[in-house]
Amino acid sequence: MPVMNGYEATRRIREEESRYGIRTPIIALTANSAEKGLKDAMEAGMDLHLAKPIPKPRIAQIVLDLCNQVQN
């Protein structure tokens, strides 16, 4: 059993990042495509919310897009 869920982990990461002025892209991968899942992910500080299953080419494109955003 995990000590914390992804939402809590994201909140803690965002808190720590704020001390250093950095930002790490965080993507929620869930089985829940409901609007509540999206809302919870965004409120926790995640950058994207994707519902599984996700085709491999789509994941690759998302990661590439995020990398390009970080570099710019």
N, C-alpha and C. Protein backbone atom coordinates (compact mmCIF):
# COMPACT_ATOMS: atom_id res chain seq x y z
N MET A 1 0.84 -1.18 0.00
CA MET A 1 0.00 0.00 0.00
C MET A 1 0.89 1.24 0.00
N PRO A 2 0.66 2.16 -0.94
CA PRO A 2 1.49 3.37 -0.99
C PRO A 2 1.26 4.26 0.23
N VAL A 3 2.32 4.98 0.59
CA VAL A 3 2.25 5.91 1.71
C VAL A 3 1.41 7.13 1.34
N MET A 4 1.46 7.51 0.06
CA MET A 4 0.67 8.65 -0.41
C MET A 4 0.25 8.41 -1.85
N ASN A 5 -0.82 9.07 -2.27
CA ASN A 5 -1.27 8.92 -3.66
C ASN A 5 -0.57 9.95 -4.54
N GLY A 6 -0.83 9.88 -5.82
CA GLY A 6 -0.19 10.77 -6.78
C GLY A 6 -0.52 12.23 -6.58
N TYR A 7 -1.73 12.50 -6.11
CA TYR A 7 -2.12 13.89 -5.87
C TYR A 7 -1.29 14.50 -4.74
N GLU A 8 -1.16 13.75 -3.65
CA GLU A 8 -0.37 14.24 -2.52
C GLU A 8 1.11 14.34 -2.89
N ALA A 9 1.61 13.37 -3.64
CA ALA A 9 3.01 13.42 -4.08
C ALA A 9 3.25 14.66 -4.93
N THR A 10 2.31 14.97 -5.82
CA THR A 10 2.44 16.16 -6.67
C THR A 10 2.43 17.42 -5.83
N ARG A 11 1.53 17.50 -4.86
CA ARG A 11 1.49 18.68 -3.99
C ARG A 11 2.83 18.88 -3.28
N ARG A 12 3.41 17.80 -2.80
CA ARG A 12 4.69 17.91 -2.09
C ARG A 12 5.82 18.29 -3.05
N ILE A 13 5.81 17.74 -4.24
CA ILE A 13 6.82 18.11 -5.24
C ILE A 13 6.71 19.59 -5.57
N ARG A 14 5.49 20.07 -5.81
CA ARG A 14 5.28 21.49 -6.14
C ARG A 14 5.73 22.39 -4.99
N GLU A 15 5.47 21.96 -3.77
CA GLU A 15 5.91 22.75 -2.61
C GLU A 15 7.44 22.86 -2.58
N GLU A 16 8.09 21.74 -2.79
CA GLU A 16 9.56 21.73 -2.79
C GLU A 16 10.11 22.55 -3.95
N GLU A 17 9.51 22.41 -5.12
CA GLU A 17 9.98 23.17 -6.29
C GLU A 17 9.88 24.68 -6.06
N SER A 18 8.84 25.10 -5.36
CA SER A 18 8.65 26.54 -5.14
C SER A 18 9.82 27.14 -4.37
N ARG A 19 10.49 26.34 -3.59
CA ARG A 19 11.65 26.82 -2.83
C ARG A 19 12.85 27.10 -3.73
N TYR A 20 12.89 26.42 -4.87
CA TYR A 20 14.05 26.52 -5.77
C TYR A 20 13.75 27.17 -7.11
N GLY A 21 12.49 27.54 -7.34
CA GLY A 21 12.13 28.19 -8.59
C GLY A 21 12.22 27.29 -9.80
N ILE A 22 11.93 26.01 -9.62
CA ILE A 22 11.96 25.06 -10.74
C ILE A 22 10.58 24.46 -10.93
N ARG A 23 10.39 23.77 -12.05
CA ARG A 23 9.12 23.09 -12.31
C ARG A 23 9.38 21.84 -13.13
N THR A 24 8.90 20.72 -12.64
CA THR A 24 9.01 19.44 -13.30
C THR A 24 7.65 19.07 -13.87
N PRO A 25 7.55 18.76 -15.15
CA PRO A 25 6.26 18.36 -15.71
C PRO A 25 5.77 17.06 -15.04
N ILE A 26 4.51 17.05 -14.64
CA ILE A 26 3.90 15.87 -14.03
C ILE A 26 2.61 15.56 -14.80
N ILE A 27 2.51 14.32 -15.25
CA ILE A 27 1.35 13.87 -16.03
C ILE A 27 0.59 12.82 -15.22
N ALA A 28 -0.69 13.04 -15.03
CA ALA A 28 -1.54 12.06 -14.36
C ALA A 28 -1.99 11.03 -15.39
N LEU A 29 -1.74 9.76 -15.11
CA LEU A 29 -2.21 8.66 -15.94
C LEU A 29 -3.21 7.87 -15.11
N THR A 30 -4.48 7.98 -15.45
CA THR A 30 -5.51 7.34 -14.63
C THR A 30 -6.44 6.50 -15.49
N ALA A 31 -7.17 5.64 -14.82
CA ALA A 31 -8.20 4.86 -15.50
C ALA A 31 -9.50 5.64 -15.53
N ASN A 32 -9.52 6.78 -14.87
CA ASN A 32 -10.73 7.58 -14.74
C ASN A 32 -10.67 8.78 -15.68
N SER A 33 -11.55 8.81 -16.65
CA SER A 33 -11.57 9.94 -17.58
C SER A 33 -12.60 10.99 -17.16
N ALA A 34 -13.24 10.78 -16.03
CA ALA A 34 -14.28 11.70 -15.56
C ALA A 34 -13.69 13.08 -15.28
N GLU A 35 -14.57 14.05 -15.31
CA GLU A 35 -14.16 15.43 -15.08
C GLU A 35 -13.56 15.60 -13.68
N LYS A 36 -14.02 14.84 -12.71
CA LYS A 36 -13.48 14.93 -11.36
C LYS A 36 -11.99 14.56 -11.34
N GLY A 37 -11.61 13.54 -12.10
CA GLY A 37 -10.21 13.15 -12.17
C GLY A 37 -9.35 14.27 -12.72
N LEU A 38 -9.84 14.92 -13.75
CA LEU A 38 -9.13 16.07 -14.34
C LEU A 38 -9.02 17.20 -13.33
N LYS A 39 -10.13 17.50 -12.67
CA LYS A 39 -10.15 18.59 -11.68
C LYS A 39 -9.18 18.30 -10.54
N ASP A 40 -9.20 17.08 -10.02
CA ASP A 40 -8.30 16.71 -8.92
C ASP A 40 -6.84 16.83 -9.35
N ALA A 41 -6.54 16.38 -10.55
CA ALA A 41 -5.16 16.43 -11.06
C ALA A 41 -4.68 17.87 -11.19
N MET A 42 -5.51 18.72 -11.75
CA MET A 42 -5.12 20.12 -11.95
C MET A 42 -4.98 20.85 -10.60
N GLU A 43 -5.89 20.57 -9.67
CA GLU A 43 -5.81 21.20 -8.35
C GLU A 43 -4.56 20.77 -7.59
N ALA A 44 -4.10 19.55 -7.83
CA ALA A 44 -2.88 19.05 -7.17
C ALA A 44 -1.62 19.66 -7.77
N GLY A 45 -1.75 20.23 -8.99
CA GLY A 45 -0.59 20.85 -9.63
C GLY A 45 -0.02 20.06 -10.79
N MET A 46 -0.75 19.03 -11.24
CA MET A 46 -0.28 18.26 -12.39
C MET A 46 -0.45 19.08 -13.66
N ASP A 47 0.37 18.79 -14.66
CA ASP A 47 0.34 19.55 -15.90
C ASP A 47 -0.66 18.99 -16.91
N LEU A 48 -0.84 17.67 -16.88
CA LEU A 48 -1.76 17.01 -17.81
C LEU A 48 -2.47 15.88 -17.11
N HIS A 49 -3.66 15.54 -17.60
CA HIS A 49 -4.41 14.39 -17.10
C HIS A 49 -4.80 13.54 -18.31
N LEU A 50 -4.32 12.31 -18.34
CA LEU A 50 -4.61 11.40 -19.45
C LEU A 50 -5.27 10.14 -18.91
N ALA A 51 -6.31 9.68 -19.60
CA ALA A 51 -7.00 8.46 -19.19
C ALA A 51 -6.45 7.28 -19.98
N LYS A 52 -6.18 6.19 -19.27
CA LYS A 52 -5.67 4.97 -19.91
C LYS A 52 -6.82 4.25 -20.61
N PRO A 53 -6.57 3.49 -21.63
CA PRO A 53 -5.28 3.23 -22.25
C PRO A 53 -4.86 4.38 -23.17
N ILE A 54 -3.56 4.57 -23.28
CA ILE A 54 -3.01 5.63 -24.13
C ILE A 54 -2.06 4.97 -25.12
N PRO A 55 -2.28 5.20 -26.42
CA PRO A 55 -1.38 4.62 -27.42
C PRO A 55 0.06 5.12 -27.24
N LYS A 56 1.03 4.24 -27.43
CA LYS A 56 2.44 4.60 -27.26
C LYS A 56 2.85 5.83 -28.07
N PRO A 57 2.43 5.95 -29.34
CA PRO A 57 2.82 7.16 -30.09
C PRO A 57 2.29 8.44 -29.45
N ARG A 58 1.12 8.37 -28.83
CA ARG A 58 0.54 9.55 -28.17
C ARG A 58 1.38 9.94 -26.95
N ILE A 59 1.81 8.94 -26.18
CA ILE A 59 2.66 9.22 -25.02
C ILE A 59 3.98 9.84 -25.47
N ALA A 60 4.57 9.27 -26.50
CA ALA A 60 5.84 9.80 -27.01
C ALA A 60 5.69 11.25 -27.46
N GLN A 61 4.60 11.57 -28.13
CA GLN A 61 4.37 12.94 -28.61
C GLN A 61 4.18 13.89 -27.43
N ILE A 62 3.47 13.46 -26.42
CA ILE A 62 3.24 14.31 -25.24
C ILE A 62 4.57 14.61 -24.53
N VAL A 63 5.39 13.59 -24.35
CA VAL A 63 6.69 13.79 -23.69
C VAL A 63 7.57 14.72 -24.53
N LEU A 64 7.58 14.52 -25.84
CA LEU A 64 8.35 15.39 -26.72
C LEU A 64 7.86 16.84 -26.62
N ASP A 65 6.55 17.04 -26.63
CA ASP A 65 5.99 18.39 -26.50
C ASP A 65 6.41 19.02 -25.18
N LEU A 66 6.35 18.26 -24.09
CA LEU A 66 6.75 18.81 -22.79
C LEU A 66 8.23 19.16 -22.76
N CYS A 67 9.05 18.33 -23.37
CA CYS A 67 10.49 18.61 -23.43
C CYS A 67 10.75 19.90 -24.21
N ASN A 68 10.04 20.08 -25.29
CA ASN A 68 10.20 21.30 -26.10
C ASN A 68 9.75 22.52 -25.31
N GLN A 69 8.69 22.40 -24.51
CA GLN A 69 8.23 23.52 -23.70
C GLN A 69 9.26 23.91 -22.64
N VAL A 70 9.88 22.90 -22.04
CA VAL A 70 10.88 23.15 -20.99
C VAL A 70 12.10 23.85 -21.57
N GLN A 71 12.50 23.48 -22.78
CA GLN A 71 13.68 24.06 -23.41
C GLN A 71 13.44 25.49 -23.85
N ASN A 72 12.22 25.87 -24.13
CA ASN A 72 11.93 27.23 -24.60
C ASN A 72 11.70 28.19 -23.49
